[in-house]
Structures are given as structure tokens and as C-alpha cells.
Amino acid sequence: YVEPLITKAKTDSTNSRRVVFSYLQEKKAIIE
């Protein structure tokens, strides 16, 4: 579950942040 999210986070774009946020729903975790 989490490894594709970390791979997605390697490219810091608005779309990748929105995709990861749809899985996690936690702002502090997204920032970290």
C-alpha cells in the first residue's frame, strides 16, 4: 500500500499530492 505512495511522492507536483492525499487523508503526513 505505502511503497507506491512513496514513489509518487518523489515527484512533487500538485497532481501527485492530490493522488497521495486521496489515500492518506492526513495533511501532516503528506507534508512529512
PDB file of all heavy atoms in Angstrom:
ATOM      1  N   TYR A   1       0.819  -1.214   0.000  1.00  0.00           N
ATOM      2  CA  TYR A   1       0.000   0.000   0.000  1.00  0.00           C
ATOM      3  C   TYR A   1       0.850   1.260   0.000  1.00  0.00           C
ATOM      4  O   TYR A   1       0.551   2.226  -0.698  1.00  0.00           O
ATOM      5  CB  TYR A   1      -0.907  -0.032   1.240  1.00  0.00           C
ATOM      6  CG  TYR A   1      -1.925   1.079   1.325  1.00  0.00           C
ATOM      7  CD1 TYR A   1      -3.157   0.961   0.701  1.00  0.00           C
ATOM      8  CD2 TYR A   1      -1.667   2.228   2.065  1.00  0.00           C
ATOM      9  CE1 TYR A   1      -4.114   1.962   0.806  1.00  0.00           C
ATOM     10  CE2 TYR A   1      -2.615   3.231   2.172  1.00  0.00           C
ATOM     11  CZ  TYR A   1      -3.827   3.095   1.543  1.00  0.00           C
ATOM     12  OH  TYR A   1      -4.767   4.080   1.640  1.00  0.00           O
ATOM     13  N   VAL A   2       1.936   1.272   0.792  1.00  0.00           N
ATOM     14  CA  VAL A   2       2.666   2.514   1.030  1.00  0.00           C
ATOM     15  C   VAL A   2       3.815   2.739   0.042  1.00  0.00           C
ATOM     16  O   VAL A   2       4.159   3.887  -0.243  1.00  0.00           O
ATOM     17  CB  VAL A   2       3.155   2.577   2.496  1.00  0.00           C
ATOM     18  CG1 VAL A   2       4.394   1.739   2.710  1.00  0.00           C
ATOM     19  CG2 VAL A   2       3.403   4.000   2.933  1.00  0.00           C
ATOM     20  N   GLU A   3       4.379   1.687  -0.504  1.00  0.00           N
ATOM     21  CA  GLU A   3       5.518   1.886  -1.405  1.00  0.00           C
ATOM     22  C   GLU A   3       5.154   2.649  -2.679  1.00  0.00           C
ATOM     23  O   GLU A   3       5.904   3.526  -3.100  1.00  0.00           O
ATOM     24  CB  GLU A   3       6.197   0.545  -1.705  1.00  0.00           C
ATOM     25  CG  GLU A   3       6.879   0.008  -0.464  1.00  0.00           C
ATOM     26  CD  GLU A   3       8.162  -0.733  -0.740  1.00  0.00           C
ATOM     27  OE1 GLU A   3       8.561  -0.826  -1.910  1.00  0.00           O
ATOM     28  OE2 GLU A   3       8.765  -1.191   0.229  1.00  0.00           O
ATOM     29  N   PRO A   4       4.008   2.393  -3.326  1.00  0.00           N
ATOM     30  CA  PRO A   4       3.644   3.235  -4.464  1.00  0.00           C
ATOM     31  C   PRO A   4       3.405   4.693  -4.082  1.00  0.00           C
ATOM     32  O   PRO A   4       3.672   5.601  -4.880  1.00  0.00           O
ATOM     33  CB  PRO A   4       2.347   2.602  -4.990  1.00  0.00           C
ATOM     34  CG  PRO A   4       2.400   1.198  -4.530  1.00  0.00           C
ATOM     35  CD  PRO A   4       3.109   1.220  -3.223  1.00  0.00           C
ATOM     36  N   LEU A   5       2.941   4.931  -2.852  1.00  0.00           N
ATOM     37  CA  LEU A   5       2.738   6.312  -2.407  1.00  0.00           C
ATOM     38  C   LEU A   5       4.080   7.030  -2.255  1.00  0.00           C
ATOM     39  O   LEU A   5       4.203   8.210  -2.596  1.00  0.00           O
ATOM     40  CB  LEU A   5       1.977   6.345  -1.086  1.00  0.00           C
ATOM     41  CG  LEU A   5       0.569   5.748  -1.092  1.00  0.00           C
ATOM     42  CD1 LEU A   5      -0.050   5.859   0.289  1.00  0.00           C
ATOM     43  CD2 LEU A   5      -0.288   6.412  -2.131  1.00  0.00           C
ATOM     44  N   ILE A   6       5.078   6.333  -1.754  1.00  0.00           N
ATOM     45  CA  ILE A   6       6.404   6.942  -1.600  1.00  0.00           C
ATOM     46  C   ILE A   6       7.009   7.213  -2.976  1.00  0.00           C
ATOM     47  O   ILE A   6       7.632   8.254  -3.201  1.00  0.00           O
ATOM     48  CB  ILE A   6       7.311   6.050  -0.740  1.00  0.00           C
ATOM     49  CG1 ILE A   6       6.736   5.945   0.677  1.00  0.00           C
ATOM     50  CG2 ILE A   6       8.725   6.600  -0.685  1.00  0.00           C
ATOM     51  CD1 ILE A   6       7.446   4.950   1.563  1.00  0.00           C
ATOM     52  N   THR A   7       6.801   6.290  -3.907  1.00  0.00           N
ATOM     53  CA  THR A   7       7.288   6.511  -5.271  1.00  0.00           C
ATOM     54  C   THR A   7       6.607   7.723  -5.891  1.00  0.00           C
ATOM     55  O   THR A   7       7.247   8.537  -6.563  1.00  0.00           O
ATOM     56  CB  THR A   7       7.026   5.266  -6.139  1.00  0.00           C
ATOM     57  OG1 THR A   7       7.670   4.148  -5.534  1.00  0.00           O
ATOM     58  CG2 THR A   7       7.547   5.453  -7.541  1.00  0.00           C
ATOM     59  N   LYS A   8       5.312   7.868  -5.638  1.00  0.00           N
ATOM     60  CA  LYS A   8       4.563   9.014  -6.163  1.00  0.00           C
ATOM     61  C   LYS A   8       5.068  10.313  -5.548  1.00  0.00           C
ATOM     62  O   LYS A   8       5.076  11.353  -6.199  1.00  0.00           O
ATOM     63  CB  LYS A   8       3.076   8.818  -5.848  1.00  0.00           C
ATOM     64  CG  LYS A   8       2.166   9.719  -6.577  1.00  0.00           C
ATOM     65  CD  LYS A   8       2.108   9.330  -8.024  1.00  0.00           C
ATOM     66  CE  LYS A   8       0.805   9.721  -8.644  1.00  0.00           C
ATOM     67  NZ  LYS A   8       0.856   9.583 -10.096  1.00  0.00           N
ATOM     68  N   ALA A   9       5.514  10.261  -4.294  1.00  0.00           N
ATOM     69  CA  ALA A   9       5.957  11.469  -3.603  1.00  0.00           C
ATOM     70  C   ALA A   9       7.314  11.958  -4.101  1.00  0.00           C
ATOM     71  O   ALA A   9       7.709  13.087  -3.791  1.00  0.00           O
ATOM     72  CB  ALA A   9       6.021  11.207  -2.101  1.00  0.00           C
ATOM     73  N   LYS A  10       8.032  11.134  -4.847  1.00  0.00           N
ATOM     74  CA  LYS A  10       9.341  11.562  -5.356  1.00  0.00           C
ATOM     75  C   LYS A  10       9.211  12.697  -6.366  1.00  0.00           C
ATOM     76  O   LYS A  10      10.132  13.496  -6.524  1.00  0.00           O
ATOM     77  CB  LYS A  10      10.080  10.365  -5.966  1.00  0.00           C
ATOM     78  CG  LYS A  10      10.591   9.417  -4.883  1.00  0.00           C
ATOM     79  CD  LYS A  10      10.959   8.061  -5.405  1.00  0.00           C
ATOM     80  CE  LYS A  10      12.174   8.029  -6.262  1.00  0.00           C
ATOM     81  NZ  LYS A  10      12.611   6.645  -6.559  1.00  0.00           N
ATOM     82  N   THR A  11       8.073  12.777  -7.055  1.00  0.00           N
ATOM     83  CA  THR A  11       7.802  13.905  -7.946  1.00  0.00           C
ATOM     84  C   THR A  11       6.815  14.824  -7.234  1.00  0.00           C
ATOM     85  O   THR A  11       5.658  14.475  -7.062  1.00  0.00           O
ATOM     86  CB  THR A  11       7.205  13.435  -9.280  1.00  0.00           C
ATOM     87  OG1 THR A  11       6.013  12.714  -9.013  1.00  0.00           O
ATOM     88  CG2 THR A  11       8.182  12.554 -10.032  1.00  0.00           C
ATOM     89  N   ASP A  12       7.291  15.977  -6.810  1.00  0.00           N
ATOM     90  CA  ASP A  12       6.467  16.893  -6.028  1.00  0.00           C
ATOM     91  C   ASP A  12       5.673  17.788  -6.973  1.00  0.00           C
ATOM     92  O   ASP A  12       6.143  18.839  -7.408  1.00  0.00           O
ATOM     93  CB  ASP A  12       7.353  17.725  -5.096  1.00  0.00           C
ATOM     94  CG  ASP A  12       6.538  18.524  -4.098  1.00  0.00           C
ATOM     95  OD1 ASP A  12       5.309  18.309  -4.038  1.00  0.00           O
ATOM     96  OD2 ASP A  12       7.117  19.350  -3.382  1.00  0.00           O
ATOM     97  N   SER A  13       4.480  17.342  -7.308  1.00  0.00           N
ATOM     98  CA  SER A  13       3.591  18.147  -8.146  1.00  0.00           C
ATOM     99  C   SER A  13       2.216  18.187  -7.491  1.00  0.00           C
ATOM    100  O   SER A  13       1.923  17.430  -6.574  1.00  0.00           O
ATOM    101  CB  SER A  13       3.488  17.534  -9.550  1.00  0.00           C
ATOM    102  OG  SER A  13       2.869  16.273  -9.473  1.00  0.00           O
ATOM    103  N   THR A  14       1.388  19.062  -7.961  1.00  0.00           N
ATOM    104  CA  THR A  14       0.047  19.181  -7.402  1.00  0.00           C
ATOM    105  C   THR A  14      -0.738  17.892  -7.607  1.00  0.00           C
ATOM    106  O   THR A  14      -1.442  17.432  -6.709  1.00  0.00           O
ATOM    107  CB  THR A  14      -0.700  20.350  -8.065  1.00  0.00           C
ATOM    108  OG1 THR A  14       0.084  21.533  -7.922  1.00  0.00           O
ATOM    109  CG2 THR A  14      -2.054  20.567  -7.421  1.00  0.00           C
ATOM    110  N   ASN A  15      -0.597  17.301  -8.775  1.00  0.00           N
ATOM    111  CA  ASN A  15      -1.332  16.071  -9.042  1.00  0.00           C
ATOM    112  C   ASN A  15      -0.880  14.941  -8.124  1.00  0.00           C
ATOM    113  O   ASN A  15      -1.717  14.217  -7.577  1.00  0.00           O
ATOM    114  CB  ASN A  15      -1.146  15.655 -10.497  1.00  0.00           C
ATOM    115  CG  ASN A  15      -1.932  14.419 -10.827  1.00  0.00           C
ATOM    116  OD1 ASN A  15      -3.127  14.358 -10.543  1.00  0.00           O
ATOM    117  ND2 ASN A  15      -1.283  13.426 -11.388  1.00  0.00           N
ATOM    118  N   SER A  16       0.423  14.782  -7.949  1.00  0.00           N
ATOM    119  CA  SER A  16       0.888  13.690  -7.096  1.00  0.00           C
ATOM    120  C   SER A  16       0.481  13.917  -5.639  1.00  0.00           C
ATOM    121  O   SER A  16       0.140  12.966  -4.930  1.00  0.00           O
ATOM    122  CB  SER A  16       2.405  13.512  -7.212  1.00  0.00           C
ATOM    123  OG  SER A  16       3.075  14.662  -6.791  1.00  0.00           O
ATOM    124  N   ARG A  17       0.467  15.169  -5.192  1.00  0.00           N
ATOM    125  CA  ARG A  17      -0.002  15.454  -3.826  1.00  0.00           C
ATOM    126  C   ARG A  17      -1.488  15.103  -3.686  1.00  0.00           C
ATOM    127  O   ARG A  17      -1.899  14.559  -2.666  1.00  0.00           O
ATOM    128  CB  ARG A  17       0.217  16.924  -3.475  1.00  0.00           C
ATOM    129  CG  ARG A  17       1.636  17.245  -3.096  1.00  0.00           C
ATOM    130  CD  ARG A  17       1.763  18.697  -2.686  1.00  0.00           C
ATOM    131  NE  ARG A  17       3.133  19.001  -2.317  1.00  0.00           N
ATOM    132  CZ  ARG A  17       3.582  18.983  -1.069  1.00  0.00           C
ATOM    133  NH1 ARG A  17       2.784  18.693  -0.079  1.00  0.00           N
ATOM    134  NH2 ARG A  17       4.842  19.255  -0.805  1.00  0.00           N
ATOM    135  N   ARG A  18      -2.290  15.396  -4.686  1.00  0.00           N
ATOM    136  CA  ARG A  18      -3.719  15.085  -4.615  1.00  0.00           C
ATOM    137  C   ARG A  18      -3.970  13.584  -4.638  1.00  0.00           C
ATOM    138  O   ARG A  18      -4.845  13.077  -3.937  1.00  0.00           O
ATOM    139  CB  ARG A  18      -4.458  15.766  -5.763  1.00  0.00           C
ATOM    140  CG  ARG A  18      -4.601  17.248  -5.563  1.00  0.00           C
ATOM    141  CD  ARG A  18      -5.295  17.910  -6.727  1.00  0.00           C
ATOM    142  NE  ARG A  18      -5.459  19.335  -6.471  1.00  0.00           N
ATOM    143  CZ  ARG A  18      -5.788  20.223  -7.381  1.00  0.00           C
ATOM    144  NH1 ARG A  18      -5.987  19.835  -8.632  1.00  0.00           N
ATOM    145  NH2 ARG A  18      -5.922  21.491  -7.073  1.00  0.00           N
ATOM    146  N   VAL A  19      -3.190  12.877  -5.445  1.00  0.00           N
ATOM    147  CA  VAL A  19      -3.347  11.421  -5.508  1.00  0.00           C
ATOM    148  C   VAL A  19      -2.981  10.794  -4.170  1.00  0.00           C
ATOM    149  O   VAL A  19      -3.709   9.943  -3.643  1.00  0.00           O
ATOM    150  CB  VAL A  19      -2.492  10.836  -6.651  1.00  0.00           C
ATOM    151  CG1 VAL A  19      -2.410   9.326  -6.561  1.00  0.00           C
ATOM    152  CG2 VAL A  19      -3.051  11.258  -7.991  1.00  0.00           C
ATOM    153  N   VAL A  20      -1.861  11.210  -3.587  1.00  0.00           N
ATOM    154  CA  VAL A  20      -1.436  10.659  -2.299  1.00  0.00           C
ATOM    155  C   VAL A  20      -2.414  11.065  -1.198  1.00  0.00           C
ATOM    156  O   VAL A  20      -2.737  10.262  -0.314  1.00  0.00           O
ATOM    157  CB  VAL A  20       0.011  11.104  -1.971  1.00  0.00           C
ATOM    158  CG1 VAL A  20       0.398  10.703  -0.568  1.00  0.00           C
ATOM    159  CG2 VAL A  20       0.973  10.503  -2.971  1.00  0.00           C
ATOM    160  N   PHE A  21      -2.937  12.280  -1.258  1.00  0.00           N
ATOM    161  CA  PHE A  21      -3.900  12.727  -0.251  1.00  0.00           C
ATOM    162  C   PHE A  21      -5.199  11.917  -0.317  1.00  0.00           C
ATOM    163  O   PHE A  21      -5.843  11.683   0.709  1.00  0.00           O
ATOM    164  CB  PHE A  21      -4.211  14.216  -0.406  1.00  0.00           C
ATOM    165  CG  PHE A  21      -5.089  14.760   0.682  1.00  0.00           C
ATOM    166  CD1 PHE A  21      -4.563  15.006   1.944  1.00  0.00           C
ATOM    167  CD2 PHE A  21      -6.428  14.993   0.457  1.00  0.00           C
ATOM    168  CE1 PHE A  21      -5.372  15.498   2.963  1.00  0.00           C
ATOM    169  CE2 PHE A  21      -7.248  15.492   1.466  1.00  0.00           C
ATOM    170  CZ  PHE A  21      -6.715  15.737   2.721  1.00  0.00           C
ATOM    171  N   SER A  22      -5.550  11.444  -1.507  1.00  0.00           N
ATOM    172  CA  SER A  22      -6.757  10.620  -1.622  1.00  0.00           C
ATOM    173  C   SER A  22      -6.598   9.286  -0.904  1.00  0.00           C
ATOM    174  O   SER A  22      -7.580   8.682  -0.482  1.00  0.00           O
ATOM    175  CB  SER A  22      -7.113  10.385  -3.090  1.00  0.00           C
ATOM    176  OG  SER A  22      -6.184   9.503  -3.686  1.00  0.00           O
ATOM    177  N   TYR A  23      -5.352   8.838  -0.719  1.00  0.00           N
ATOM    178  CA  TYR A  23      -5.098   7.602   0.009  1.00  0.00           C
ATOM    179  C   TYR A  23      -4.916   7.831   1.504  1.00  0.00           C
ATOM    180  O   TYR A  23      -5.302   6.995   2.308  1.00  0.00           O
ATOM    181  CB  TYR A  23      -3.838   6.914  -0.531  1.00  0.00           C
ATOM    182  CG  TYR A  23      -4.052   6.241  -1.858  1.00  0.00           C
ATOM    183  CD1 TYR A  23      -3.754   6.892  -3.042  1.00  0.00           C
ATOM    184  CD2 TYR A  23      -4.548   4.946  -1.920  1.00  0.00           C
ATOM    185  CE1 TYR A  23      -3.944   6.276  -4.259  1.00  0.00           C
ATOM    186  CE2 TYR A  23      -4.735   4.320  -3.136  1.00  0.00           C
ATOM    187  CZ  TYR A  23      -4.432   4.988  -4.301  1.00  0.00           C
ATOM    188  OH  TYR A  23      -4.634   4.381  -5.502  1.00  0.00           O
ATOM    189  N   LEU A  24      -4.291   8.934   1.892  1.00  0.00           N
ATOM    190  CA  LEU A  24      -3.904   9.110   3.296  1.00  0.00           C
ATOM    191  C   LEU A  24      -4.850   9.984   4.107  1.00  0.00           C
ATOM    192  O   LEU A  24      -5.044   9.733   5.287  1.00  0.00           O
ATOM    193  CB  LEU A  24      -2.487   9.688   3.383  1.00  0.00           C
ATOM    194  CG  LEU A  24      -1.366   8.788   2.878  1.00  0.00           C
ATOM    195  CD1 LEU A  24      -0.030   9.463   3.080  1.00  0.00           C
ATOM    196  CD2 LEU A  24      -1.392   7.445   3.565  1.00  0.00           C
ATOM    197  N   GLN A  25      -5.379  11.060   3.544  1.00  0.00           N
ATOM    198  CA  GLN A  25      -6.318  11.950   4.239  1.00  0.00           C
ATOM    199  C   GLN A  25      -5.738  12.580   5.500  1.00  0.00           C
ATOM    200  O   GLN A  25      -6.445  12.789   6.476  1.00  0.00           O
ATOM    201  CB  GLN A  25      -7.604  11.186   4.605  1.00  0.00           C
ATOM    202  CG  GLN A  25      -8.361  10.615   3.435  1.00  0.00           C
ATOM    203  CD  GLN A  25      -9.002  11.689   2.570  1.00  0.00           C
ATOM    204  OE1 GLN A  25      -9.534  12.643   3.094  1.00  0.00           O
ATOM    205  NE2 GLN A  25      -8.928  11.530   1.269  1.00  0.00           N
ATOM    206  N   GLU A  26      -4.447  12.867   5.519  1.00  0.00           N
ATOM    207  CA  GLU A  26      -3.813  13.472   6.698  1.00  0.00           C
ATOM    208  C   GLU A  26      -2.777  14.487   6.208  1.00  0.00           C
ATOM    209  O   GLU A  26      -1.761  14.121   5.623  1.00  0.00           O
ATOM    210  CB  GLU A  26      -3.144  12.390   7.543  1.00  0.00           C
ATOM    211  CG  GLU A  26      -2.499  12.882   8.808  1.00  0.00           C
ATOM    212  CD  GLU A  26      -3.508  13.345   9.838  1.00  0.00           C
ATOM    213  OE1 GLU A  26      -4.581  12.733   9.953  1.00  0.00           O
ATOM    214  OE2 GLU A  26      -3.197  14.333  10.520  1.00  0.00           O
ATOM    215  N   LYS A  27      -3.026  15.777   6.474  1.00  0.00           N
ATOM    216  CA  LYS A  27      -2.158  16.831   5.944  1.00  0.00           C
ATOM    217  C   LYS A  27      -0.736  16.740   6.481  1.00  0.00           C
ATOM    218  O   LYS A  27       0.228  16.918   5.740  1.00  0.00           O
ATOM    219  CB  LYS A  27      -2.746  18.206   6.271  1.00  0.00           C
ATOM    220  CG  LYS A  27      -3.918  18.589   5.412  1.00  0.00           C
ATOM    221  CD  LYS A  27      -4.355  19.997   5.692  1.00  0.00           C
ATOM    222  CE  LYS A  27      -5.537  20.379   4.834  1.00  0.00           C
ATOM    223  NZ  LYS A  27      -5.988  21.743   5.095  1.00  0.00           N
ATOM    224  N   LYS A  28      -0.590  16.463   7.775  1.00  0.00           N
ATOM    225  CA  LYS A  28       0.750  16.391   8.363  1.00  0.00           C
ATOM    226  C   LYS A  28       1.564  15.253   7.760  1.00  0.00           C
ATOM    227  O   LYS A  28       2.769  15.383   7.542  1.00  0.00           O
ATOM    228  CB  LYS A  28       0.662  16.240   9.874  1.00  0.00           C
ATOM    229  CG  LYS A  28       0.130  17.468  10.556  1.00  0.00           C
ATOM    230  CD  LYS A  28       0.040  17.280  12.049  1.00  0.00           C
ATOM    231  CE  LYS A  28      -0.580  18.515  12.691  1.00  0.00           C
ATOM    232  NZ  LYS A  28      -0.767  18.347  14.126  1.00  0.00           N
ATOM    233  N   ALA A  29       0.897  14.144   7.474  1.00  0.00           N
ATOM    234  CA  ALA A  29       1.590  13.007   6.859  1.00  0.00           C
ATOM    235  C   ALA A  29       2.026  13.344   5.434  1.00  0.00           C
ATOM    236  O   ALA A  29       3.108  12.952   4.998  1.00  0.00           O
ATOM    237  CB  ALA A  29       0.702  11.777   6.868  1.00  0.00           C
ATOM    238  N   ILE A  30       1.196  14.092   4.717  1.00  0.00           N
ATOM    239  CA  ILE A  30       1.540  14.493   3.345  1.00  0.00           C
ATOM    240  C   ILE A  30       2.753  15.417   3.357  1.00  0.00           C
ATOM    241  O   ILE A  30       3.681  15.265   2.550  1.00  0.00           O
ATOM    242  CB  ILE A  30       0.337  15.191   2.670  1.00  0.00           C
ATOM    243  CG1 ILE A  30      -0.872  14.281   2.625  1.00  0.00           C
ATOM    244  CG2 ILE A  30       0.698  15.688   1.287  1.00  0.00           C
ATOM    245  CD1 ILE A  30      -0.721  13.073   1.767  1.00  0.00           C
ATOM    246  N   ILE A  31       2.770  16.357   4.284  1.00  0.00           N
ATOM    247  CA  ILE A  31       3.902  17.285   4.380  1.00  0.00           C
ATOM    248  C   ILE A  31       5.183  16.520   4.707  1.00  0.00           C
ATOM    249  O   ILE A  31       6.236  16.742   4.102  1.00  0.00           O
ATOM    250  CB  ILE A  31       3.611  18.372   5.439  1.00  0.00           C
ATOM    251  CG1 ILE A  31       2.479  19.270   4.949  1.00  0.00           C
ATOM    252  CG2 ILE A  31       4.852  19.186   5.750  1.00  0.00           C
ATOM    253  CD1 ILE A  31       1.904  20.178   6.018  1.00  0.00           C
ATOM    254  N   GLU A  32       5.096  15.590   5.651  1.00  0.00           N
ATOM    255  CA  GLU A  32       6.262  14.777   6.034  1.00  0.00           C
ATOM    256  C   GLU A  32       6.736  13.922   4.865  1.00  0.00           C
ATOM    257  O   GLU A  32       7.933  13.813   4.598  1.00  0.00           O
ATOM    258  CB  GLU A  32       5.883  13.887   7.227  1.00  0.00           C
ATOM    259  CG  GLU A  32       6.990  13.001   7.732  1.00  0.00           C
ATOM    260  CD  GLU A  32       8.009  13.739   8.561  1.00  0.00           C
ATOM    261  OE1 GLU A  32       7.736  14.874   8.990  1.00  0.00           O
ATOM    262  OE2 GLU A  32       9.095  13.167   8.779  1.00  0.00           O
TER     263      GLU A  32
END
